[in-house]
Amino acid sequence: MEKLIIGLVLFIGIHSVSIVAPAWRDRFAGRHHAAWKTLVVFVALTGFVGIVKGYAEARLDPVLLYVPPHWMTHVAALLLLPVFILFLAPYFPGRIKATLKHPQLVSLKLWAVAHLLVNGTLADVVLFGSLLAWAVIDRISLKRRTPRETPVAMRSTANDFILVAVGLVVYGLFARWLHLAWIGVAPFA
C-alpha cells in the first residue's frame, strides 16, 4: 500500500503545482520550459509506476471495505462509455470541448466513480477516491486560474464525430482485450 500512496503523492503532487502555486509554476515554466516539462514527465511517470506496482501489490492481499452488487457493473460500463471520448476532446476541439470546458477532468471523474461503484477494496478506494478528489479540486481551482494554451487541431464540428468514433472504438478495444492484458481484470467476464 505504501508504494501506491507514494505513487499517488508524486503523480497528483506534480499535477497540483498549478493548484497550489500557479504563479510560481508559470514563472518557472516560462524561464525553464524544457526543464519544467522534463521534471513533470519524470515525476509523473515515477508516480504512475508507483501507482501501478503499489496497486498490483495491494490486490494480492485485499482489505475489503464493501461488496458492490453485481448489477453495478452495468452502471459502471455505461459511465465509462464517454471516458475515452472526453479524454481526447481537448486535442480535437469542437462542441464537446466547448460545452464541458475541461473534458479530461470530467473523463477522470467518470472513470473514478465507475471504478468505485464496482471495486470495494481499500486499495480501490485509495486509488480511485484520491484521483476523484483531485479532479474535483482541480476543476474548482481552474475557475481562478488563467487558461493556458494547449496545442490542438483547428476547431471543427467534425472533430466531435471523429472523437465519438475513435472513443467508442478505443472503449470497445479496452473493454474487450486491453483491460485484461494491461490490468489483469476482464471487465465483462
N, C-alpha and C. Protein backbone atom coordinates (compact mmCIF):
# COMPACT_ATOMS: atom_id res chain seq x y z
N MET A 1 0.83 -1.20 0.00
CA MET A 1 0.00 0.00 0.00
C MET A 1 0.87 1.26 0.00
N GLU A 2 2.08 1.16 0.59
CA GLU A 2 2.96 2.32 0.66
C GLU A 2 3.36 2.80 -0.73
N LYS A 3 3.68 1.84 -1.62
CA LYS A 3 4.05 2.22 -3.00
C LYS A 3 2.90 2.94 -3.68
N LEU A 4 1.70 2.45 -3.48
CA LEU A 4 0.52 3.08 -4.07
C LEU A 4 0.38 4.51 -3.58
N ILE A 5 0.51 4.71 -2.30
CA ILE A 5 0.35 6.06 -1.72
C ILE A 5 1.47 6.98 -2.18
N ILE A 6 2.71 6.49 -2.19
CA ILE A 6 3.83 7.33 -2.67
C ILE A 6 3.63 7.68 -4.14
N GLY A 7 3.20 6.70 -4.92
CA GLY A 7 2.93 6.95 -6.34
C GLY A 7 1.85 8.00 -6.53
N LEU A 8 0.79 7.90 -5.74
CA LEU A 8 -0.29 8.90 -5.83
C LEU A 8 0.19 10.28 -5.42
N VAL A 9 1.00 10.35 -4.36
CA VAL A 9 1.52 11.65 -3.91
C VAL A 9 2.36 12.29 -5.01
N LEU A 10 3.23 11.49 -5.65
CA LEU A 10 4.07 12.03 -6.73
C LEU A 10 3.22 12.45 -7.92
N PHE A 11 2.34 11.56 -8.36
CA PHE A 11 1.54 11.82 -9.56
C PHE A 11 0.59 13.00 -9.36
N ILE A 12 -0.16 12.96 -8.28
CA ILE A 12 -1.11 14.04 -8.00
C ILE A 12 -0.35 15.31 -7.63
N GLY A 13 0.74 15.16 -6.89
CA GLY A 13 1.52 16.32 -6.46
C GLY A 13 2.04 17.14 -7.61
N ILE A 14 2.67 16.49 -8.59
CA ILE A 14 3.23 17.25 -9.72
C ILE A 14 2.11 17.88 -10.55
N HIS A 15 0.95 17.21 -10.59
CA HIS A 15 -0.18 17.78 -11.33
C HIS A 15 -0.93 18.84 -10.51
N SER A 16 -0.53 19.02 -9.25
CA SER A 16 -1.20 20.00 -8.39
C SER A 16 -0.40 21.29 -8.21
N VAL A 17 0.76 21.38 -8.80
CA VAL A 17 1.56 22.60 -8.66
C VAL A 17 0.77 23.81 -9.15
N SER A 18 0.02 23.65 -10.24
CA SER A 18 -0.81 24.75 -10.75
C SER A 18 -1.94 25.13 -9.80
N ILE A 19 -2.33 24.20 -8.94
CA ILE A 19 -3.39 24.49 -7.98
C ILE A 19 -2.84 25.28 -6.80
N VAL A 20 -1.71 24.84 -6.26
CA VAL A 20 -1.19 25.45 -5.03
C VAL A 20 -0.22 26.59 -5.28
N ALA A 21 0.44 26.62 -6.43
CA ALA A 21 1.42 27.69 -6.71
C ALA A 21 1.41 28.06 -8.19
N PRO A 22 0.27 28.56 -8.68
CA PRO A 22 0.19 28.83 -10.13
C PRO A 22 1.17 29.89 -10.61
N ALA A 23 1.39 30.93 -9.83
CA ALA A 23 2.32 31.99 -10.26
C ALA A 23 3.74 31.45 -10.34
N TRP A 24 4.15 30.68 -9.33
CA TRP A 24 5.49 30.10 -9.35
C TRP A 24 5.65 29.16 -10.52
N ARG A 25 4.65 28.32 -10.77
CA ARG A 25 4.70 27.38 -11.88
C ARG A 25 4.84 28.10 -13.20
N ASP A 26 4.06 29.16 -13.40
CA ASP A 26 4.12 29.91 -14.66
C ASP A 26 5.47 30.59 -14.84
N ARG A 27 6.01 31.16 -13.76
CA ARG A 27 7.33 31.81 -13.85
C ARG A 27 8.41 30.78 -14.17
N PHE A 28 8.42 29.69 -13.42
CA PHE A 28 9.46 28.67 -13.62
C PHE A 28 9.35 28.05 -15.00
N ALA A 29 8.15 27.66 -15.41
CA ALA A 29 7.94 27.05 -16.72
C ALA A 29 8.25 28.03 -17.83
N GLY A 30 7.98 29.31 -17.60
CA GLY A 30 8.30 30.32 -18.61
C GLY A 30 9.79 30.48 -18.82
N ARG A 31 10.57 30.44 -17.75
CA ARG A 31 12.03 30.60 -17.83
C ARG A 31 12.74 29.31 -18.21
N HIS A 32 12.22 28.19 -17.77
CA HIS A 32 12.89 26.89 -17.96
C HIS A 32 11.90 25.88 -18.53
N HIS A 33 11.39 26.17 -19.69
CA HIS A 33 10.32 25.37 -20.27
C HIS A 33 10.72 23.89 -20.40
N ALA A 34 11.87 23.62 -21.00
CA ALA A 34 12.30 22.23 -21.21
C ALA A 34 12.55 21.53 -19.87
N ALA A 35 13.15 22.24 -18.92
CA ALA A 35 13.41 21.65 -17.61
C ALA A 35 12.10 21.33 -16.89
N TRP A 36 11.12 22.24 -17.00
CA TRP A 36 9.84 22.01 -16.35
C TRP A 36 9.13 20.79 -16.94
N LYS A 37 9.09 20.73 -18.27
CA LYS A 37 8.45 19.59 -18.93
C LYS A 37 9.14 18.29 -18.54
N THR A 38 10.47 18.30 -18.50
CA THR A 38 11.23 17.11 -18.13
C THR A 38 10.90 16.69 -16.69
N LEU A 39 10.87 17.66 -15.80
CA LEU A 39 10.55 17.38 -14.39
C LEU A 39 9.15 16.79 -14.26
N VAL A 40 8.19 17.39 -14.92
CA VAL A 40 6.80 16.91 -14.85
C VAL A 40 6.71 15.48 -15.37
N VAL A 41 7.32 15.22 -16.52
CA VAL A 41 7.26 13.88 -17.10
C VAL A 41 7.94 12.88 -16.17
N PHE A 42 9.12 13.21 -15.66
CA PHE A 42 9.85 12.29 -14.78
C PHE A 42 9.06 11.99 -13.51
N VAL A 43 8.57 13.02 -12.84
CA VAL A 43 7.84 12.82 -11.58
C VAL A 43 6.51 12.10 -11.84
N ALA A 44 5.79 12.48 -12.89
CA ALA A 44 4.51 11.85 -13.20
C ALA A 44 4.71 10.37 -13.55
N LEU A 45 5.71 10.06 -14.36
CA LEU A 45 5.95 8.67 -14.72
C LEU A 45 6.42 7.84 -13.52
N THR A 46 7.26 8.43 -12.69
CA THR A 46 7.69 7.74 -11.47
C THR A 46 6.47 7.46 -10.58
N GLY A 47 5.61 8.45 -10.43
CA GLY A 47 4.39 8.27 -9.65
C GLY A 47 3.48 7.23 -10.27
N PHE A 48 3.35 7.25 -11.59
CA PHE A 48 2.49 6.30 -12.27
C PHE A 48 2.99 4.87 -12.06
N VAL A 49 4.30 4.68 -12.18
CA VAL A 49 4.88 3.35 -11.94
C VAL A 49 4.61 2.91 -10.50
N GLY A 50 4.75 3.83 -9.55
CA GLY A 50 4.45 3.52 -8.16
C GLY A 50 2.99 3.14 -7.96
N ILE A 51 2.10 3.85 -8.65
CA ILE A 51 0.67 3.55 -8.56
C ILE A 51 0.40 2.14 -9.11
N VAL A 52 0.94 1.85 -10.27
CA VAL A 52 0.70 0.55 -10.90
C VAL A 52 1.25 -0.58 -10.03
N LYS A 53 2.49 -0.44 -9.59
CA LYS A 53 3.10 -1.51 -8.78
C LYS A 53 2.43 -1.60 -7.41
N GLY A 54 2.16 -0.47 -6.80
CA GLY A 54 1.52 -0.47 -5.48
C GLY A 54 0.12 -1.04 -5.52
N TYR A 55 -0.63 -0.70 -6.56
CA TYR A 55 -1.99 -1.23 -6.70
C TYR A 55 -1.94 -2.74 -6.95
N ALA A 56 -1.01 -3.18 -7.79
CA ALA A 56 -0.87 -4.61 -8.07
C ALA A 56 -0.53 -5.38 -6.78
N GLU A 57 0.36 -4.84 -5.98
CA GLU A 57 0.72 -5.49 -4.72
C GLU A 57 -0.46 -5.49 -3.74
N ALA A 58 -1.18 -4.40 -3.67
CA ALA A 58 -2.32 -4.31 -2.75
C ALA A 58 -3.42 -5.28 -3.14
N ARG A 59 -3.57 -5.56 -4.42
CA ARG A 59 -4.58 -6.51 -4.87
C ARG A 59 -4.28 -7.93 -4.44
N LEU A 60 -3.01 -8.23 -4.13
CA LEU A 60 -2.64 -9.58 -3.70
C LEU A 60 -3.14 -9.89 -2.30
N ASP A 61 -3.29 -8.86 -1.48
CA ASP A 61 -3.75 -9.03 -0.10
C ASP A 61 -4.83 -7.98 0.18
N PRO A 62 -6.01 -8.11 -0.44
CA PRO A 62 -7.01 -7.05 -0.37
C PRO A 62 -7.67 -6.91 1.01
N VAL A 63 -7.98 -5.67 1.33
CA VAL A 63 -8.75 -5.35 2.53
C VAL A 63 -10.13 -4.91 2.02
N LEU A 64 -11.13 -5.74 2.23
CA LEU A 64 -12.46 -5.48 1.69
C LEU A 64 -13.20 -4.46 2.56
N LEU A 65 -13.68 -3.40 1.93
CA LEU A 65 -14.47 -2.38 2.63
C LEU A 65 -15.96 -2.52 2.34
N TYR A 66 -16.30 -2.90 1.12
CA TYR A 66 -17.70 -3.10 0.76
C TYR A 66 -17.78 -4.04 -0.45
N VAL A 67 -18.93 -4.67 -0.60
CA VAL A 67 -19.17 -5.57 -1.73
C VAL A 67 -20.27 -4.96 -2.59
N PRO A 68 -19.91 -4.47 -3.77
CA PRO A 68 -20.92 -3.87 -4.63
C PRO A 68 -21.81 -4.95 -5.26
N PRO A 69 -23.06 -4.61 -5.52
CA PRO A 69 -23.93 -5.59 -6.18
C PRO A 69 -23.46 -5.83 -7.62
N HIS A 70 -23.69 -7.03 -8.13
CA HIS A 70 -23.22 -7.39 -9.47
C HIS A 70 -23.78 -6.49 -10.56
N TRP A 71 -25.03 -6.07 -10.42
CA TRP A 71 -25.64 -5.24 -11.45
C TRP A 71 -24.94 -3.88 -11.60
N MET A 72 -24.13 -3.51 -10.62
CA MET A 72 -23.42 -2.24 -10.70
C MET A 72 -22.40 -2.22 -11.84
N THR A 73 -21.99 -3.42 -12.31
CA THR A 73 -21.07 -3.46 -13.45
C THR A 73 -21.70 -2.84 -14.69
N HIS A 74 -23.02 -2.95 -14.83
CA HIS A 74 -23.71 -2.35 -15.98
C HIS A 74 -23.71 -0.83 -15.86
N VAL A 75 -23.90 -0.34 -14.67
CA VAL A 75 -23.86 1.11 -14.43
C VAL A 75 -22.45 1.64 -14.74
N ALA A 76 -21.45 0.92 -14.24
CA ALA A 76 -20.07 1.33 -14.47
C ALA A 76 -19.74 1.32 -15.97
N ALA A 77 -20.19 0.29 -16.68
CA ALA A 77 -19.94 0.22 -18.13
C ALA A 77 -20.56 1.41 -18.85
N LEU A 78 -21.73 1.81 -18.42
CA LEU A 78 -22.40 2.97 -19.02
C LEU A 78 -21.65 4.26 -18.71
N LEU A 79 -21.20 4.41 -17.46
CA LEU A 79 -20.44 5.60 -17.08
C LEU A 79 -19.11 5.69 -17.81
N LEU A 80 -18.52 4.54 -18.13
CA LEU A 80 -17.22 4.52 -18.79
C LEU A 80 -17.32 4.76 -20.29
N LEU A 81 -18.50 4.65 -20.85
CA LEU A 81 -18.68 4.81 -22.30
C LEU A 81 -18.09 6.12 -22.84
N PRO A 82 -18.33 7.28 -22.22
CA PRO A 82 -17.77 8.52 -22.78
C PRO A 82 -16.34 8.85 -22.32
N VAL A 83 -15.74 8.01 -21.49
CA VAL A 83 -14.45 8.36 -20.89
C VAL A 83 -13.36 8.62 -21.93
N PHE A 84 -13.20 7.74 -22.89
CA PHE A 84 -12.15 7.93 -23.89
C PHE A 84 -12.46 9.10 -24.81
N ILE A 85 -13.73 9.30 -25.12
CA ILE A 85 -14.14 10.44 -25.94
C ILE A 85 -13.75 11.73 -25.24
N LEU A 86 -14.11 11.84 -23.99
CA LEU A 86 -13.85 13.08 -23.24
C LEU A 86 -12.36 13.27 -22.97
N PHE A 87 -11.63 12.18 -22.78
CA PHE A 87 -10.20 12.30 -22.50
C PHE A 87 -9.46 12.90 -23.70
N LEU A 88 -9.89 12.55 -24.91
CA LEU A 88 -9.25 13.06 -26.13
C LEU A 88 -9.79 14.40 -26.58
N ALA A 89 -10.92 14.82 -26.06
CA ALA A 89 -11.61 16.03 -26.53
C ALA A 89 -10.77 17.32 -26.52
N PRO A 90 -9.89 17.56 -25.55
CA PRO A 90 -9.12 18.80 -25.59
C PRO A 90 -8.23 18.94 -26.83
N TYR A 91 -7.85 17.84 -27.42
CA TYR A 91 -6.93 17.87 -28.56
C TYR A 91 -7.64 17.97 -29.90
N PHE A 92 -8.97 17.79 -29.89
CA PHE A 92 -9.79 17.90 -31.09
C PHE A 92 -11.00 18.76 -30.76
N PRO A 93 -10.79 20.07 -30.64
CA PRO A 93 -11.87 20.94 -30.15
C PRO A 93 -13.07 21.00 -31.08
N GLY A 94 -14.21 20.93 -30.44
CA GLY A 94 -15.50 21.04 -31.12
C GLY A 94 -16.52 21.41 -30.06
N ARG A 95 -17.73 20.97 -30.27
CA ARG A 95 -18.80 21.27 -29.31
C ARG A 95 -18.59 20.59 -27.96
N ILE A 96 -18.04 19.38 -27.98
CA ILE A 96 -17.83 18.65 -26.72
C ILE A 96 -16.90 19.44 -25.82
N LYS A 97 -15.78 19.88 -26.36
CA LYS A 97 -14.81 20.64 -25.55
C LYS A 97 -15.40 21.98 -25.12
N ALA A 98 -16.07 22.65 -26.04
CA ALA A 98 -16.65 23.96 -25.71
C ALA A 98 -17.71 23.85 -24.62
N THR A 99 -18.50 22.82 -24.66
CA THR A 99 -19.57 22.64 -23.68
C THR A 99 -19.02 22.29 -22.30
N LEU A 100 -18.07 21.38 -22.26
CA LEU A 100 -17.57 20.89 -20.97
C LEU A 100 -16.40 21.71 -20.41
N LYS A 101 -15.75 22.50 -21.24
CA LYS A 101 -14.59 23.33 -20.87
C LYS A 101 -13.37 22.50 -20.49
N HIS A 102 -13.51 21.53 -19.60
CA HIS A 102 -12.39 20.69 -19.14
C HIS A 102 -12.79 19.22 -19.22
N PRO A 103 -12.95 18.71 -20.44
CA PRO A 103 -13.47 17.35 -20.61
C PRO A 103 -12.58 16.26 -20.02
N GLN A 104 -11.25 16.49 -19.93
CA GLN A 104 -10.40 15.45 -19.34
C GLN A 104 -10.70 15.26 -17.86
N LEU A 105 -11.01 16.33 -17.17
CA LEU A 105 -11.37 16.20 -15.76
C LEU A 105 -12.72 15.50 -15.61
N VAL A 106 -13.65 15.77 -16.50
CA VAL A 106 -14.93 15.05 -16.49
C VAL A 106 -14.67 13.57 -16.76
N SER A 107 -13.79 13.29 -17.69
CA SER A 107 -13.42 11.91 -18.01
C SER A 107 -12.84 11.21 -16.78
N LEU A 108 -11.92 11.87 -16.10
CA LEU A 108 -11.30 11.28 -14.91
C LEU A 108 -12.33 11.04 -13.81
N LYS A 109 -13.24 11.98 -13.62
CA LYS A 109 -14.28 11.81 -12.59
C LYS A 109 -15.18 10.62 -12.91
N LEU A 110 -15.62 10.52 -14.16
CA LEU A 110 -16.47 9.39 -14.55
C LEU A 110 -15.73 8.06 -14.37
N TRP A 111 -14.46 8.02 -14.78
CA TRP A 111 -13.64 6.81 -14.65
C TRP A 111 -13.52 6.41 -13.18
N ALA A 112 -13.22 7.38 -12.33
CA ALA A 112 -13.04 7.08 -10.90
C ALA A 112 -14.35 6.64 -10.25
N VAL A 113 -15.44 7.34 -10.51
CA VAL A 113 -16.73 6.97 -9.92
C VAL A 113 -17.14 5.56 -10.38
N ALA A 114 -16.99 5.30 -11.67
CA ALA A 114 -17.36 3.98 -12.20
C ALA A 114 -16.57 2.87 -11.51
N HIS A 115 -15.29 3.10 -11.30
CA HIS A 115 -14.47 2.08 -10.65
C HIS A 115 -14.79 1.96 -9.15
N LEU A 116 -15.15 3.04 -8.52
CA LEU A 116 -15.56 2.96 -7.11
C LEU A 116 -16.87 2.20 -6.95
N LEU A 117 -17.72 2.26 -7.96
CA LEU A 117 -19.01 1.55 -7.89
C LEU A 117 -18.84 0.04 -7.97
N VAL A 118 -17.76 -0.44 -8.57
CA VAL A 118 -17.61 -1.89 -8.77
C VAL A 118 -16.43 -2.50 -8.02
N ASN A 119 -15.65 -1.69 -7.33
CA ASN A 119 -14.48 -2.20 -6.61
C ASN A 119 -14.56 -1.71 -5.17
N GLY A 120 -14.50 -2.63 -4.23
CA GLY A 120 -14.70 -2.25 -2.84
C GLY A 120 -13.55 -2.51 -1.90
N THR A 121 -12.32 -2.60 -2.42
CA THR A 121 -11.20 -2.81 -1.51
C THR A 121 -10.60 -1.48 -1.08
N LEU A 122 -9.79 -1.54 -0.05
CA LEU A 122 -9.11 -0.34 0.44
C LEU A 122 -8.23 0.28 -0.65
N ALA A 123 -7.50 -0.55 -1.38
CA ALA A 123 -6.65 -0.05 -2.46
C ALA A 123 -7.47 0.67 -3.52
N ASP A 124 -8.65 0.14 -3.85
CA ASP A 124 -9.53 0.77 -4.83
C ASP A 124 -9.99 2.15 -4.35
N VAL A 125 -10.40 2.20 -3.10
CA VAL A 125 -10.89 3.46 -2.54
C VAL A 125 -9.75 4.49 -2.48
N VAL A 126 -8.56 4.05 -2.10
CA VAL A 126 -7.41 4.96 -2.06
C VAL A 126 -7.10 5.46 -3.46
N LEU A 127 -6.98 4.56 -4.42
CA LEU A 127 -6.62 4.95 -5.79
C LEU A 127 -7.70 5.80 -6.45
N PHE A 128 -8.87 5.25 -6.61
CA PHE A 128 -9.91 5.94 -7.35
C PHE A 128 -10.48 7.12 -6.57
N GLY A 129 -10.57 7.00 -5.26
CA GLY A 129 -11.04 8.11 -4.43
C GLY A 129 -10.09 9.29 -4.46
N SER A 130 -8.78 9.02 -4.42
CA SER A 130 -7.79 10.10 -4.47
C SER A 130 -7.85 10.84 -5.80
N LEU A 131 -7.92 10.08 -6.88
CA LEU A 131 -7.97 10.72 -8.20
C LEU A 131 -9.27 11.48 -8.40
N LEU A 132 -10.37 10.96 -7.88
CA LEU A 132 -11.64 11.67 -7.96
C LEU A 132 -11.58 12.98 -7.17
N ALA A 133 -11.06 12.92 -5.96
CA ALA A 133 -10.94 14.13 -5.14
C ALA A 133 -10.04 15.15 -5.81
N TRP A 134 -8.92 14.69 -6.37
CA TRP A 134 -8.02 15.62 -7.05
C TRP A 134 -8.71 16.28 -8.25
N ALA A 135 -9.45 15.50 -9.04
CA ALA A 135 -10.13 16.05 -10.21
C ALA A 135 -11.15 17.11 -9.81
N VAL A 136 -11.87 16.89 -8.72
CA VAL A 136 -12.84 17.88 -8.23
C VAL A 136 -12.11 19.15 -7.79
N ILE A 137 -11.04 19.00 -7.03
CA ILE A 137 -10.28 20.16 -6.56
C ILE A 137 -9.66 20.91 -7.73
N ASP A 138 -9.12 20.20 -8.70
CA ASP A 138 -8.51 20.85 -9.86
C ASP A 138 -9.55 21.63 -10.65
N ARG A 139 -10.73 21.05 -10.83
CA ARG A 139 -11.79 21.74 -11.59
C ARG A 139 -12.21 23.01 -10.87
N ILE A 140 -12.32 22.97 -9.56
CA ILE A 140 -12.67 24.17 -8.80
C ILE A 140 -11.58 25.22 -8.95
N SER A 141 -10.32 24.80 -8.87
CA SER A 141 -9.21 25.75 -8.96
C SER A 141 -9.09 26.35 -10.36
N LEU A 142 -9.52 25.64 -11.38
CA LEU A 142 -9.44 26.17 -12.74
C LEU A 142 -10.30 27.42 -12.93
N LYS A 143 -11.30 27.57 -12.11
CA LYS A 143 -12.14 28.76 -12.21
C LYS A 143 -11.36 30.02 -11.84
N ARG A 144 -10.29 29.88 -11.02
CA ARG A 144 -9.49 31.01 -10.57
C ARG A 144 -8.25 31.25 -11.43
N ARG A 145 -7.86 30.25 -12.22
CA ARG A 145 -6.60 30.32 -12.96
C ARG A 145 -6.79 30.84 -14.37
N THR A 146 -5.71 31.43 -14.88
CA THR A 146 -5.69 31.87 -16.27
C THR A 146 -5.47 30.65 -17.15
N PRO A 147 -6.32 30.47 -18.16
CA PRO A 147 -6.15 29.28 -19.02
C PRO A 147 -4.84 29.34 -19.80
N ARG A 148 -4.23 28.16 -19.99
CA ARG A 148 -3.00 28.06 -20.79
C ARG A 148 -3.35 27.47 -22.15
N GLU A 149 -2.56 27.86 -23.13
CA GLU A 149 -2.77 27.33 -24.47
C GLU A 149 -2.33 25.87 -24.53
N THR A 150 -3.12 25.06 -25.22
CA THR A 150 -2.80 23.65 -25.45
C THR A 150 -2.74 23.45 -26.95
N PRO A 151 -1.69 22.80 -27.44
CA PRO A 151 -1.65 22.55 -28.89
C PRO A 151 -2.79 21.64 -29.30
N VAL A 152 -3.60 22.14 -30.22
CA VAL A 152 -4.79 21.39 -30.64
C VAL A 152 -4.99 21.52 -32.14
N ALA A 153 -5.86 20.69 -32.64
CA ALA A 153 -6.29 20.81 -34.03
C ALA A 153 -7.23 22.01 -34.14
N MET A 154 -7.54 22.41 -35.36
CA MET A 154 -8.48 23.52 -35.55
C MET A 154 -9.86 23.11 -35.05
N ARG A 155 -10.58 24.08 -34.50
CA ARG A 155 -11.93 23.81 -34.00
C ARG A 155 -12.85 23.47 -35.17
N SER A 156 -13.60 22.37 -34.99
CA SER A 156 -14.48 21.91 -36.05
C SER A 156 -15.55 21.00 -35.46
N THR A 157 -16.73 21.07 -36.02
CA THR A 157 -17.80 20.17 -35.60
C THR A 157 -17.47 18.74 -35.99
N ALA A 158 -16.69 18.58 -37.06
CA ALA A 158 -16.28 17.24 -37.49
C ALA A 158 -15.46 16.55 -36.40
N ASN A 159 -14.74 17.35 -35.60
CA ASN A 159 -13.95 16.76 -34.52
C ASN A 159 -14.81 15.97 -33.55
N ASP A 160 -16.04 16.43 -33.31
CA ASP A 160 -16.93 15.70 -32.41
C ASP A 160 -17.26 14.31 -32.95
N PHE A 161 -17.50 14.22 -34.24
CA PHE A 161 -17.79 12.92 -34.85
C PHE A 161 -16.57 12.01 -34.80
N ILE A 162 -15.40 12.60 -35.07
CA ILE A 162 -14.15 11.83 -35.00
C ILE A 162 -13.95 11.33 -33.58
N LEU A 163 -14.13 12.21 -32.60
CA LEU A 163 -13.95 11.84 -31.19
C LEU A 163 -14.88 10.71 -30.77
N VAL A 164 -16.13 10.81 -31.14
CA VAL A 164 -17.09 9.78 -30.76
C VAL A 164 -16.70 8.45 -31.39
N ALA A 165 -16.36 8.46 -32.67
CA ALA A 165 -15.98 7.22 -33.35
C ALA A 165 -14.71 6.62 -32.73
N VAL A 166 -13.67 7.42 -32.59
CA VAL A 166 -12.41 6.92 -32.04
C VAL A 166 -12.60 6.49 -30.59
N GLY A 167 -13.31 7.31 -29.81
CA GLY A 167 -13.54 6.99 -28.41
C GLY A 167 -14.28 5.69 -28.21
N LEU A 168 -15.30 5.45 -29.02
CA LEU A 168 -16.06 4.20 -28.90
C LEU A 168 -15.24 2.99 -29.33
N VAL A 169 -14.42 3.16 -30.35
CA VAL A 169 -13.54 2.06 -30.78
C VAL A 169 -12.54 1.74 -29.68
N VAL A 170 -11.91 2.76 -29.11
CA VAL A 170 -10.94 2.54 -28.03
C VAL A 170 -11.63 1.93 -26.82
N TYR A 171 -12.82 2.40 -26.49
CA TYR A 171 -13.60 1.81 -25.38
C TYR A 171 -13.82 0.31 -25.63
N GLY A 172 -14.26 -0.01 -26.85
CA GLY A 172 -14.51 -1.41 -27.19
C GLY A 172 -13.25 -2.26 -27.08
N LEU A 173 -12.14 -1.75 -27.60
CA LEU A 173 -10.87 -2.48 -27.52
C LEU A 173 -10.44 -2.65 -26.07
N PHE A 174 -10.57 -1.59 -25.31
CA PHE A 174 -10.13 -1.65 -23.91
C PHE A 174 -11.02 -2.60 -23.11
N ALA A 175 -12.32 -2.50 -23.29
CA ALA A 175 -13.24 -3.35 -22.54
C ALA A 175 -13.09 -4.82 -22.93
N ARG A 176 -12.83 -5.07 -24.19
CA ARG A 176 -12.77 -6.45 -24.68
C ARG A 176 -11.42 -7.12 -24.42
N TRP A 177 -10.30 -6.38 -24.67
CA TRP A 177 -8.98 -7.02 -24.59
C TRP A 177 -7.97 -6.29 -23.71
N LEU A 178 -7.85 -4.99 -23.88
CA LEU A 178 -6.74 -4.27 -23.26
C LEU A 178 -6.82 -4.22 -21.74
N HIS A 179 -8.02 -4.12 -21.18
CA HIS A 179 -8.13 -4.07 -19.71
C HIS A 179 -7.59 -5.37 -19.11
N LEU A 180 -7.92 -6.48 -19.70
CA LEU A 180 -7.41 -7.77 -19.22
C LEU A 180 -5.90 -7.86 -19.42
N ALA A 181 -5.42 -7.46 -20.59
CA ALA A 181 -3.99 -7.56 -20.89
C ALA A 181 -3.15 -6.64 -20.00
N TRP A 182 -3.62 -5.43 -19.76
CA TRP A 182 -2.82 -4.44 -19.02
C TRP A 182 -3.08 -4.47 -17.52
N ILE A 183 -4.33 -4.68 -17.12
CA ILE A 183 -4.71 -4.59 -15.71
C ILE A 183 -4.86 -5.97 -15.09
N GLY A 184 -5.16 -6.97 -15.91
CA GLY A 184 -5.33 -8.32 -15.38
C GLY A 184 -6.75 -8.63 -14.96
N VAL A 185 -7.69 -7.78 -15.33
CA VAL A 185 -9.09 -7.98 -14.98
C VAL A 185 -9.93 -7.85 -16.24
N ALA A 186 -10.79 -8.86 -16.48
CA ALA A 186 -11.71 -8.79 -17.60
C ALA A 186 -12.99 -8.12 -17.12
N PRO A 187 -13.29 -6.90 -17.58
CA PRO A 187 -14.43 -6.18 -17.03
C PRO A 187 -15.78 -6.84 -17.27
N PHE A 188 -15.92 -7.59 -18.35
CA PHE A 188 -17.21 -8.19 -18.67
C PHE A 188 -17.20 -9.70 -18.56
N ALA A 189 -16.31 -10.23 -17.73
CA ALA A 189 -16.21 -11.70 -17.59
C ALA A 189 -17.31 -12.21 -16.68
